Amino acid sequence: MRLTRINIRKALCLGLVATSLIGCSNLPENRNSAVTAAEVSSFVVLGADGIPLARVITTAAQCPQISLDGQVVAMDLRAQAETIALRTTRSDPADSKPSAFPVLTCEKSIPPHTASVKVAGRSLPLPKNEAKRIVVIGDTGCRLKKSDNAYQSCNDEAQYPFARIAALAAKWKPDLVIHVGDFLYRENACPDGKAECAGSTWGYGWDAWRDDFFNPANSLLQAAPWVMVRGNHESCKRAGQGWWRLIDPRPLLPGRDCNIATNDNIGDYSDPYAVPLGKDAQLIVLDTSNTAGEPIPDGDIRADKYRDLYRKLDTLSQQASYNIGVNHHPILGFTAKQDAKGKISLLPGNRGLQSVFSGINPLLLPPRVNAMLSGHVHLWQEVSFSSPHPTQFIAGFSGTLEDVIPLPEELPEGATPAPGAVVEHFSSWVNGFGFMTMDRTGANIWEVKVWDTAGHEVNSCNIEGKKSICKVARVK
């Protein structure tokens, strides 16, 4: 009878965990087994002015309590569990489905000077006064896209190594993690007969978000607070519903949730905000998720939105001596294409943003912006200029299918990512998965390292002011 009583008690405790996330302290064994990454994810995301927000995503019936320096309070409900009716997406209706979120999203703003935050007995990471050690990742999801006939091997760690990358980055013990966008790539169902992705979740609901981001990123989510940047895969016609429910640090407002396509002119845009790094440096986070690859004409809502974004970026940059802009689409980086005869051509940075920003400033970015961190291009890249442009880094190499067209070790004469930008130093790594780290060694000096999936350093760079230079021009 004793074993029966224990089993009954375990069942009762599992029910308690499912409703309150408060564990049962006297279970004889496996006391934390009921709370798994599939059932609950907890993390800290930084919002405007660096204000930390504790987030919990849970299958429980109500939001859990949170302990702030020992004071226990209830978390606030951000988004209730629901299935959202099918809306227009980037895919055909036959290849889309309603987004199901059978989870609550709960949150609590963490007051300044809080020293300890716990949820269900687990400590959450808190921001430091100075973020000296920063991990940068981007484009982390497993690509399942019918229109591209692109079906990544989501079940193979070698072909989809994001979980391994996240674990290695966590071991580096960062003060801060920056994700430069594109979290969710599992857009369409894996076709029958494709063993490499068989059984993969897909769509824009919680199950795809869980498997493409929250589960593989779990170790890194526990390691440090995050700054999360919105990519084009999080635009309203794609995973925007999950972006607003689960990720974005701003309030979730009716009409800004991407649930109804007629509201996309609201949901696809948001204001930039600054995150202090300490000692007169800051990040400025930009939402450029809905930009175009071609010039944006006047009269297009994006022209007005991105002009406004530029002006607000300029204003925010006055707050600190050293500014790092963070957005998804590289403004000052290169991409490449290859024709049927094998000829490789270099393509410039995002022409949509360039077309709008150049109308305000021919140099494209405000003068107090020192560096840009971006993703979108599935590789790692560094570009530095003799012209007064900020250095550009691209870190879109942390999980999704890599670009494989090689970039040159030396750029052709006159090659430029934007009109008037004169390249002084250029470095790249194509067809290699990994993550980037930034270690602050001075007021405007950073040591950058690039790491592969074995934890080996493959390149290192120095940033000083607006300039950067790397040891290896092309990682092979």
Protein backbone atom coordinates (compact mmCIF):
# COMPACT_ATOMS: atom_id res chain seq x y z
CA MET A 1 0.00 0.00 0.00
CA ARG A 2 2.93 2.34 0.60
CA LEU A 3 3.89 2.28 -3.12
CA THR A 4 0.28 3.00 -4.08
CA ARG A 5 0.13 5.98 -1.75
CA ILE A 6 3.36 7.37 -3.26
CA ASN A 7 1.99 6.97 -6.78
CA ILE A 8 -1.24 8.70 -5.80
CA ARG A 9 0.74 11.48 -4.16
CA LYS A 10 2.86 11.89 -7.28
CA ALA A 11 -0.26 12.16 -9.40
CA LEU A 12 -1.68 14.82 -7.10
CA CYS A 13 1.60 16.74 -7.24
CA LEU A 14 1.70 16.54 -11.02
CA GLY A 15 -1.74 18.12 -11.05
CA LEU A 16 -0.49 20.86 -8.72
CA VAL A 17 2.50 21.53 -10.96
CA ALA A 18 0.17 21.75 -13.95
CA THR A 19 -1.85 24.47 -12.27
CA SER A 20 0.63 26.42 -10.20
CA LEU A 21 4.17 25.46 -11.22
CA ILE A 22 4.94 25.03 -7.50
CA GLY A 23 6.77 21.74 -7.10
CA CYS A 24 6.18 19.15 -4.38
CA SER A 25 9.14 19.31 -2.07
CA ASN A 26 8.91 15.82 -0.60
CA LEU A 27 8.69 13.62 -3.68
CA PRO A 28 10.98 10.63 -3.16
CA GLU A 29 12.58 10.92 -6.63
CA ASN A 30 12.49 12.83 -9.92
CA ARG A 31 10.90 15.77 -8.16
CA ASN A 32 11.42 18.11 -11.12
CA SER A 33 10.45 15.67 -13.86
CA ALA A 34 6.96 17.15 -14.20
CA VAL A 35 8.29 20.54 -15.29
CA THR A 36 9.99 20.02 -18.63
CA ALA A 37 11.06 22.35 -21.40
CA ALA A 38 8.04 21.15 -23.39
CA GLU A 39 5.70 22.29 -20.61
CA VAL A 40 7.31 25.49 -19.41
CA SER A 41 9.99 27.91 -20.55
CA SER A 42 11.29 30.71 -18.39
CA PHE A 43 13.67 33.47 -19.40
CA VAL A 44 14.46 37.18 -19.06
CA VAL A 45 14.10 39.55 -22.01
CA LEU A 46 15.32 43.15 -21.88
CA GLY A 47 13.06 45.94 -23.10
CA ALA A 48 13.26 49.71 -23.43
CA ASP A 49 15.90 51.26 -21.16
CA GLY A 50 17.13 47.77 -20.39
CA ILE A 51 14.18 46.98 -18.12
CA PRO A 52 14.21 43.21 -17.53
CA LEU A 53 11.01 41.24 -17.95
CA ALA A 54 10.61 37.76 -16.54
CA ARG A 55 8.68 35.58 -18.98
CA VAL A 56 7.15 32.18 -18.37
CA ILE A 57 5.37 30.08 -20.99
CA THR A 58 3.37 27.32 -19.40
CA THR A 59 0.64 24.74 -19.98
CA ALA A 60 -0.69 25.55 -16.51
CA ALA A 61 -4.20 26.86 -15.98
CA GLN A 62 -2.95 30.06 -14.37
CA CYS A 63 0.21 32.12 -14.21
CA PRO A 64 2.73 31.08 -11.57
CA GLN A 65 4.02 33.08 -8.69
CA ILE A 66 7.41 34.75 -8.89
CA SER A 67 9.82 35.51 -6.07
CA LEU A 68 11.54 38.91 -6.24
CA ASP A 69 14.18 39.07 -3.50
CA GLY A 70 12.03 36.70 -1.49
CA GLN A 71 8.79 38.61 -1.99
CA VAL A 72 6.31 36.31 -3.71
CA VAL A 73 3.84 37.88 -6.13
CA ALA A 74 1.69 36.63 -8.98
CA MET A 75 2.92 36.99 -12.53
CA ASP A 76 0.74 38.89 -15.00
CA LEU A 77 -1.05 37.19 -17.86
CA ARG A 78 0.27 38.43 -21.20
CA ALA A 79 -1.55 36.03 -23.53
CA GLN A 80 -4.14 33.38 -22.81
CA ALA A 81 -4.25 29.94 -24.38
CA GLU A 82 -6.11 29.96 -27.68
CA THR A 83 -6.18 28.77 -31.25
CA ILE A 84 -6.12 31.66 -33.70
CA ALA A 85 -8.16 31.42 -36.87
CA LEU A 86 -6.22 30.88 -40.09
CA ARG A 87 -5.09 34.16 -41.62
CA THR A 88 -3.25 35.05 -44.82
CA THR A 89 0.33 33.79 -44.65
CA ARG A 90 3.32 33.62 -46.99
CA SER A 91 2.22 30.09 -47.91
CA ASP A 92 -0.81 28.86 -49.83
CA PRO A 93 -3.84 28.14 -47.61
CA ALA A 94 -3.44 24.43 -48.29
CA ASP A 95 0.03 24.61 -46.75
CA SER A 96 -1.02 26.70 -43.74
CA LYS A 97 -3.03 26.03 -40.62
CA PRO A 98 -4.46 27.94 -37.65
CA SER A 99 -1.92 28.82 -34.98
CA ALA A 100 -2.58 26.89 -31.78
CA PHE A 101 -1.15 28.24 -28.53
CA PRO A 102 -2.30 25.83 -25.77
CA VAL A 103 -0.09 27.76 -23.34
CA LEU A 104 -0.20 30.87 -21.21
CA THR A 105 2.39 33.57 -21.62
CA CYS A 106 3.07 35.18 -18.25
CA GLU A 107 5.36 38.06 -17.37
CA LYS A 108 6.54 40.37 -14.62
CA SER A 109 8.66 43.48 -14.81
CA ILE A 110 11.71 43.09 -12.54
CA PRO A 111 12.31 46.19 -10.40
CA PRO A 112 15.73 47.88 -10.46
CA HIS A 113 18.36 46.54 -8.04
CA THR A 114 16.56 43.21 -7.65
CA ALA A 115 19.18 40.64 -6.67
CA SER A 116 17.23 37.38 -6.91
CA VAL A 117 14.35 36.20 -9.11
CA LYS A 118 12.90 32.71 -8.90
CA VAL A 119 10.03 30.91 -10.56
CA ALA A 120 9.08 27.42 -9.35
CA GLY A 121 12.31 27.37 -7.35
CA ARG A 122 14.46 28.07 -10.41
CA SER A 123 16.59 31.22 -10.52
CA LEU A 124 16.37 33.49 -13.54
CA PRO A 125 19.43 35.37 -14.84
CA LEU A 126 19.58 39.10 -14.17
CA PRO A 127 21.33 41.87 -16.13
CA LYS A 128 24.66 43.14 -14.87
CA ASN A 129 25.57 46.81 -14.45
CA GLU A 130 28.00 46.36 -17.31
CA ALA A 131 27.54 43.75 -20.03
CA LYS A 132 31.12 42.87 -20.89
CA ARG A 133 30.56 39.40 -22.39
CA ILE A 134 27.97 39.16 -25.14
CA VAL A 135 26.88 36.20 -27.27
CA VAL A 136 25.44 36.97 -30.71
CA ILE A 137 23.40 34.38 -32.62
CA GLY A 138 20.87 34.55 -35.41
CA ASP A 139 18.76 32.62 -37.94
CA THR A 140 18.40 29.67 -35.63
CA GLY A 141 15.36 27.71 -36.84
CA CYS A 142 15.14 24.52 -38.92
CA ARG A 143 14.04 25.39 -42.45
CA LEU A 144 10.93 23.62 -43.77
CA LYS A 145 9.68 25.63 -46.76
CA LYS A 146 7.67 24.13 -49.61
CA SER A 147 8.07 27.03 -52.05
CA ASP A 148 11.87 26.68 -51.85
CA ASN A 149 11.77 22.88 -51.71
CA ALA A 150 13.98 23.33 -48.67
CA TYR A 151 13.62 20.65 -46.03
CA GLN A 152 16.39 20.71 -43.46
CA SER A 153 17.26 17.63 -41.42
CA CYS A 154 15.63 18.80 -38.21
CA ASN A 155 16.26 15.41 -36.59
CA ASP A 156 20.01 15.45 -37.24
CA GLU A 157 22.14 17.50 -34.83
CA ALA A 158 24.90 17.82 -37.42
CA GLN A 159 22.50 19.30 -39.98
CA TYR A 160 20.51 21.32 -37.45
CA PRO A 161 22.95 22.12 -34.62
CA PHE A 162 21.19 24.98 -32.82
CA ALA A 163 20.80 23.08 -29.53
CA ARG A 164 24.52 22.30 -29.52
CA ILE A 165 25.40 25.90 -30.38
CA ALA A 166 23.19 27.21 -27.58
CA ALA A 167 24.79 24.86 -25.05
CA LEU A 168 28.31 25.89 -26.11
CA ALA A 169 27.39 29.57 -25.95
CA ALA A 170 25.97 29.05 -22.45
CA LYS A 171 29.26 27.53 -21.30
CA TRP A 172 31.02 30.75 -22.36
CA LYS A 173 29.07 32.37 -19.46
CA PRO A 174 27.78 35.51 -21.20
CA ASP A 175 26.40 38.56 -19.45
CA LEU A 176 23.96 39.06 -22.33
CA VAL A 177 22.65 37.18 -25.37
CA ILE A 178 21.60 38.94 -28.57
CA HIS A 179 19.49 37.10 -31.13
CA VAL A 180 19.49 39.05 -34.40
CA GLY A 181 16.25 37.56 -35.67
CA ASP A 182 14.57 34.70 -37.55
CA PHE A 183 13.60 32.34 -34.78
CA LEU A 184 11.05 30.14 -36.57
CA TYR A 185 11.62 28.41 -39.92
CA ARG A 186 9.27 25.39 -39.68
CA GLU A 187 6.66 26.93 -41.94
CA ASN A 188 5.34 23.94 -43.91
CA ALA A 189 4.86 20.23 -43.31
CA CYS A 190 7.67 17.80 -44.01
CA PRO A 191 6.62 15.79 -47.08
CA ASP A 192 5.93 12.08 -46.77
CA GLY A 193 9.01 10.00 -47.34
CA LYS A 194 11.56 12.58 -46.17
CA ALA A 195 13.18 10.83 -43.22
CA GLU A 196 15.42 13.81 -42.43
CA CYS A 197 12.48 15.88 -41.19
CA ALA A 198 9.85 13.21 -40.57
CA GLY A 199 7.56 14.05 -37.67
CA SER A 200 8.73 17.68 -37.44
CA THR A 201 6.24 20.15 -36.09
CA TRP A 202 5.33 22.96 -38.48
CA GLY A 203 3.28 26.13 -38.80
CA TYR A 204 3.32 29.17 -36.57
CA GLY A 205 1.82 27.79 -33.36
CA TRP A 206 3.38 26.89 -30.03
CA ASP A 207 4.57 23.41 -31.03
CA ALA A 208 6.73 24.83 -33.84
CA TRP A 209 8.01 27.66 -31.61
CA ARG A 210 8.80 25.14 -28.88
CA ASP A 211 10.79 22.83 -31.15
CA ASP A 212 12.46 25.51 -33.26
CA PHE A 213 13.48 27.83 -30.44
CA PHE A 214 12.50 27.29 -26.83
CA ASN A 215 13.63 23.67 -26.45
CA PRO A 216 16.97 23.94 -28.28
CA ALA A 217 17.72 27.35 -26.72
CA ASN A 218 16.88 26.29 -23.17
CA SER A 219 20.42 26.16 -21.78
CA LEU A 220 21.24 29.60 -23.19
CA LEU A 221 17.92 31.06 -22.00
CA GLN A 222 18.96 30.08 -18.47
CA ALA A 223 22.46 31.52 -18.83
CA ALA A 224 21.81 35.25 -19.29
CA PRO A 225 19.18 37.86 -20.14
CA TRP A 226 18.35 38.23 -23.83
CA VAL A 227 17.88 41.04 -26.33
CA MET A 228 15.62 39.65 -29.05
CA VAL A 229 15.45 41.21 -32.51
CA ARG A 230 12.58 40.67 -34.88
CA GLY A 231 13.38 39.10 -38.26
CA ASN A 232 11.37 38.79 -41.45
CA HIS A 233 10.32 35.31 -40.32
CA GLU A 234 8.52 37.04 -37.45
CA SER A 235 6.56 39.42 -39.68
CA CYS A 236 2.79 39.20 -39.47
CA LYS A 237 2.40 36.94 -42.52
CA ARG A 238 4.74 34.46 -40.90
CA ALA A 239 5.41 33.92 -37.20
CA GLY A 240 4.30 37.36 -36.02
CA GLN A 241 1.59 35.95 -33.77
CA GLY A 242 4.14 34.02 -31.75
CA TRP A 243 6.57 36.94 -31.81
CA TRP A 244 4.10 39.23 -30.06
CA ARG A 245 2.76 36.60 -27.66
CA LEU A 246 6.04 35.00 -26.64
CA ILE A 247 9.05 37.22 -27.41
CA ASP A 248 8.59 40.98 -27.82
CA PRO A 249 9.21 42.95 -24.59
CA ARG A 250 6.56 45.57 -25.33
CA PRO A 251 2.91 45.31 -24.24
CA LEU A 252 0.71 42.99 -26.29
CA LEU A 253 -2.05 45.27 -27.59
CA PRO A 254 -5.18 44.48 -29.61
CA GLY A 255 -4.46 45.02 -33.28
CA ARG A 256 -0.70 44.67 -32.80
CA ASP A 257 -0.89 40.89 -32.39
CA CYS A 258 -0.81 39.90 -36.09
CA ASN A 259 -4.01 37.88 -35.67
CA ILE A 260 -5.99 39.74 -38.34
CA ALA A 261 -4.37 40.63 -41.66
CA THR A 262 -6.14 43.98 -41.92
CA ASN A 263 -4.18 45.11 -38.86
CA ASP A 264 -0.76 44.25 -40.28
CA ASN A 265 0.09 47.92 -40.79
CA ILE A 266 0.11 48.08 -36.99
CA GLY A 267 1.54 44.66 -36.14
CA ASP A 268 4.43 44.76 -38.59
CA TYR A 269 6.14 47.80 -37.07
CA SER A 270 7.39 48.96 -33.70
CA ASP A 271 9.57 51.74 -32.36
CA PRO A 272 13.29 51.30 -31.67
CA TYR A 273 14.48 51.17 -28.08
CA ALA A 274 17.80 51.36 -26.25
CA VAL A 275 19.34 48.82 -23.89
CA PRO A 276 22.21 50.21 -21.77
CA LEU A 277 25.39 48.14 -21.68
CA GLY A 278 27.06 50.19 -18.95
CA LYS A 279 29.87 52.75 -19.06
CA ASP A 280 28.20 54.99 -21.64
CA ALA A 281 27.48 52.30 -24.23
CA GLN A 282 24.15 50.97 -25.43
CA LEU A 283 22.39 48.75 -27.92
CA ILE A 284 19.63 50.24 -30.07
CA VAL A 285 17.15 47.58 -31.18
CA LEU A 286 15.44 48.11 -34.54
CA ASP A 287 12.41 46.31 -35.96
CA THR A 288 13.00 46.12 -39.73
CA SER A 289 11.13 42.84 -40.17
CA ASN A 290 8.88 44.02 -43.01
CA THR A 291 11.42 45.78 -45.20
CA ALA A 292 11.74 44.98 -48.91
CA GLY A 293 14.69 43.69 -50.88
CA GLU A 294 14.18 46.37 -53.50
CA PRO A 295 13.91 50.17 -53.07
CA ILE A 296 10.75 51.25 -51.26
CA PRO A 297 8.77 53.87 -53.20
CA ASP A 298 7.24 56.95 -51.62
CA GLY A 299 3.63 56.29 -50.75
CA ASP A 300 4.44 52.81 -49.44
CA ILE A 301 3.70 52.67 -45.71
CA ARG A 302 7.19 51.23 -45.18
CA ALA A 303 8.74 54.48 -46.40
CA ASP A 304 6.94 56.45 -43.69
CA LYS A 305 7.57 53.83 -41.01
CA TYR A 306 11.29 53.52 -41.68
CA ARG A 307 11.82 57.28 -41.97
CA ASP A 308 10.29 57.54 -38.53
CA LEU A 309 12.48 54.66 -37.34
CA TYR A 310 15.62 56.45 -38.56
CA ARG A 311 14.74 59.66 -36.72
CA LYS A 312 14.06 57.77 -33.49
CA LEU A 313 17.30 55.86 -33.91
CA ASP A 314 19.13 59.16 -34.29
CA THR A 315 17.49 60.54 -31.13
CA LEU A 316 18.29 57.42 -29.10
CA SER A 317 21.91 57.51 -30.24
CA GLN A 318 22.35 60.84 -28.42
CA GLN A 319 21.99 59.02 -25.10
CA ALA A 320 25.40 57.30 -25.16
CA SER A 321 28.91 57.76 -26.50
CA TYR A 322 29.06 54.26 -27.99
CA ASN A 323 26.10 52.87 -29.91
CA ILE A 324 25.59 49.44 -31.42
CA GLY A 325 22.57 49.17 -33.71
CA VAL A 326 20.91 45.77 -33.82
CA ASN A 327 18.53 44.80 -36.62
CA HIS A 328 17.84 41.78 -38.78
CA HIS A 329 18.55 42.96 -42.34
CA PRO A 330 22.17 44.02 -42.97
CA ILE A 331 22.35 47.54 -44.34
CA LEU A 332 26.11 47.48 -44.93
CA GLY A 333 26.82 43.81 -45.65
CA PHE A 334 27.17 41.68 -48.76
CA THR A 335 25.25 38.75 -50.16
CA ALA A 336 26.11 36.70 -53.23
CA LYS A 337 24.39 34.95 -56.12
CA GLN A 338 25.66 32.45 -58.66
CA ASP A 339 24.36 32.11 -62.21
CA ALA A 340 23.93 28.94 -64.25
CA LYS A 341 27.51 29.21 -65.52
CA GLY A 342 28.90 29.41 -62.01
CA LYS A 343 29.71 33.12 -62.08
CA ILE A 344 29.43 34.72 -58.64
CA SER A 345 28.12 38.25 -58.21
CA LEU A 346 28.14 40.28 -55.01
CA LEU A 347 24.92 41.96 -53.98
CA PRO A 348 24.59 44.99 -51.70
CA GLY A 349 22.93 45.40 -48.33
CA ASN A 350 19.18 45.74 -47.86
CA ARG A 351 18.03 48.06 -50.61
CA GLY A 352 14.70 48.78 -48.98
CA LEU A 353 16.25 50.34 -45.89
CA GLN A 354 18.99 51.98 -47.95
CA SER A 355 16.43 53.68 -50.19
CA VAL A 356 14.61 55.21 -47.22
CA PHE A 357 17.58 56.08 -45.01
CA SER A 358 19.61 57.62 -47.84
CA GLY A 359 16.91 60.22 -48.32
CA ILE A 360 17.70 61.46 -44.82
CA ASN A 361 21.43 60.78 -44.66
CA PRO A 362 23.66 59.68 -47.58
CA LEU A 363 25.77 57.78 -45.03
CA LEU A 364 22.64 55.73 -44.23
CA LEU A 365 22.99 55.65 -40.45
CA PRO A 366 23.20 58.38 -37.79
CA PRO A 367 26.76 59.57 -37.11
CA ARG A 368 26.79 58.30 -33.50
CA VAL A 369 26.11 54.69 -34.53
CA ASN A 370 29.44 52.86 -34.24
CA ALA A 371 28.56 49.29 -35.21
CA MET A 372 25.70 47.25 -36.63
CA LEU A 373 24.80 43.66 -35.74
CA SER A 374 22.48 41.83 -38.13
CA GLY A 375 21.46 38.43 -39.47
CA HIS A 376 19.28 37.40 -42.42
CA VAL A 377 22.22 36.28 -44.57
CA HIS A 378 23.02 32.74 -43.51
CA LEU A 379 26.73 33.12 -42.84
CA TRP A 380 29.13 35.10 -40.67
CA GLN A 381 30.61 38.33 -42.02
CA GLU A 382 32.53 41.45 -40.99
CA VAL A 383 32.84 44.66 -43.03
CA SER A 384 34.73 47.79 -41.97
CA PHE A 385 35.04 51.04 -43.90
CA SER A 386 37.50 53.83 -44.55
CA SER A 387 34.44 56.01 -45.14
CA PRO A 388 32.58 57.19 -42.00
CA HIS A 389 30.19 54.22 -41.93
CA PRO A 390 29.79 51.98 -38.88
CA THR A 391 31.34 48.54 -38.99
CA GLN A 392 28.88 45.78 -39.90
CA PHE A 393 28.77 42.24 -38.49
CA ILE A 394 26.41 39.51 -39.71
CA ALA A 395 25.69 36.51 -37.48
CA GLY A 396 23.01 34.58 -39.37
CA PHE A 397 24.80 31.24 -38.97
CA SER A 398 23.38 29.59 -35.88
CA GLY A 399 21.04 26.85 -37.12
CA THR A 400 19.15 27.32 -40.34
CA LEU A 401 20.36 26.08 -43.73
CA GLU A 402 23.57 27.88 -44.56
CA ASP A 403 24.38 29.93 -47.61
CA VAL A 404 26.98 28.04 -49.62
CA ILE A 405 28.03 30.49 -52.35
CA PRO A 406 31.62 31.40 -51.46
CA LEU A 407 32.59 34.99 -50.85
CA PRO A 408 36.00 36.18 -52.05
CA GLU A 409 38.99 36.45 -49.76
CA GLU A 410 39.62 39.83 -51.33
CA LEU A 411 36.78 41.93 -52.67
CA PRO A 412 36.87 43.05 -56.30
CA GLU A 413 37.99 46.64 -56.73
CA GLY A 414 35.14 49.03 -56.06
CA ALA A 415 32.88 46.42 -54.45
CA THR A 416 30.58 48.12 -51.97
CA PRO A 417 27.49 47.15 -49.99
CA ALA A 418 26.03 50.67 -50.33
CA PRO A 419 26.67 53.80 -52.41
CA GLY A 420 29.53 55.78 -50.90
CA ALA A 421 30.66 53.04 -48.52
CA VAL A 422 34.37 52.35 -49.07
CA VAL A 423 35.39 48.94 -47.73
CA GLU A 424 38.64 48.80 -45.80
CA HIS A 425 38.46 45.33 -44.20
CA PHE A 426 36.31 42.34 -45.05
CA SER A 427 36.07 38.87 -43.53
CA SER A 428 33.61 36.01 -43.94
CA TRP A 429 32.77 32.42 -43.08
CA VAL A 430 30.42 30.65 -45.47
CA ASN A 431 28.80 27.24 -44.92
CA GLY A 432 29.72 26.94 -41.26
CA PHE A 433 27.43 26.89 -38.22
CA GLY A 434 28.38 28.68 -35.02
CA PHE A 435 28.06 31.70 -32.76
CA MET A 436 29.85 34.98 -32.18
CA THR A 437 31.07 36.51 -28.93
CA MET A 438 31.97 40.08 -28.01
CA ASP A 439 34.21 40.83 -25.06
CA ARG A 440 34.47 44.50 -24.05
CA THR A 441 38.04 45.48 -23.25
CA GLY A 442 37.74 49.28 -23.32
CA ALA A 443 35.27 52.14 -23.59
CA ASN A 444 34.90 51.65 -27.35
CA ILE A 445 36.97 48.48 -27.85
CA TRP A 446 35.60 44.96 -28.29
CA GLU A 447 37.27 41.63 -28.93
CA VAL A 448 35.14 39.52 -31.25
CA LYS A 449 35.52 35.76 -31.64
CA VAL A 450 33.77 33.32 -33.95
CA TRP A 451 33.16 29.74 -32.78
CA ASP A 452 32.14 26.55 -34.57
CA THR A 453 29.92 23.71 -33.37
CA ALA A 454 32.87 21.95 -31.73
CA GLY A 455 33.59 25.02 -29.61
CA HIS A 456 36.72 25.87 -31.58
CA GLU A 457 37.66 29.45 -32.35
CA VAL A 458 37.77 29.96 -36.14
CA ASN A 459 38.34 33.72 -36.29
CA SER A 460 38.95 36.72 -34.08
CA CYS A 461 38.48 40.43 -34.68
CA ASN A 462 38.94 43.73 -32.90
CA ILE A 463 36.49 46.62 -32.93
CA GLU A 464 37.67 50.07 -32.01
CA GLY A 465 35.17 52.86 -32.47
CA LYS A 466 33.66 52.43 -35.93
CA LYS A 467 36.50 50.28 -37.27
CA SER A 468 37.10 46.55 -37.15
CA ILE A 469 39.67 44.10 -38.46
CA CYS A 470 39.85 40.31 -38.33
CA LYS A 471 42.77 37.89 -38.29
CA VAL A 472 41.36 35.66 -41.02
CA ALA A 473 39.95 37.15 -44.21
CA ARG A 474 38.07 34.02 -45.20
CA VAL A 475 37.51 31.08 -42.86
CA LYS A 476 37.89 27.81 -44.76
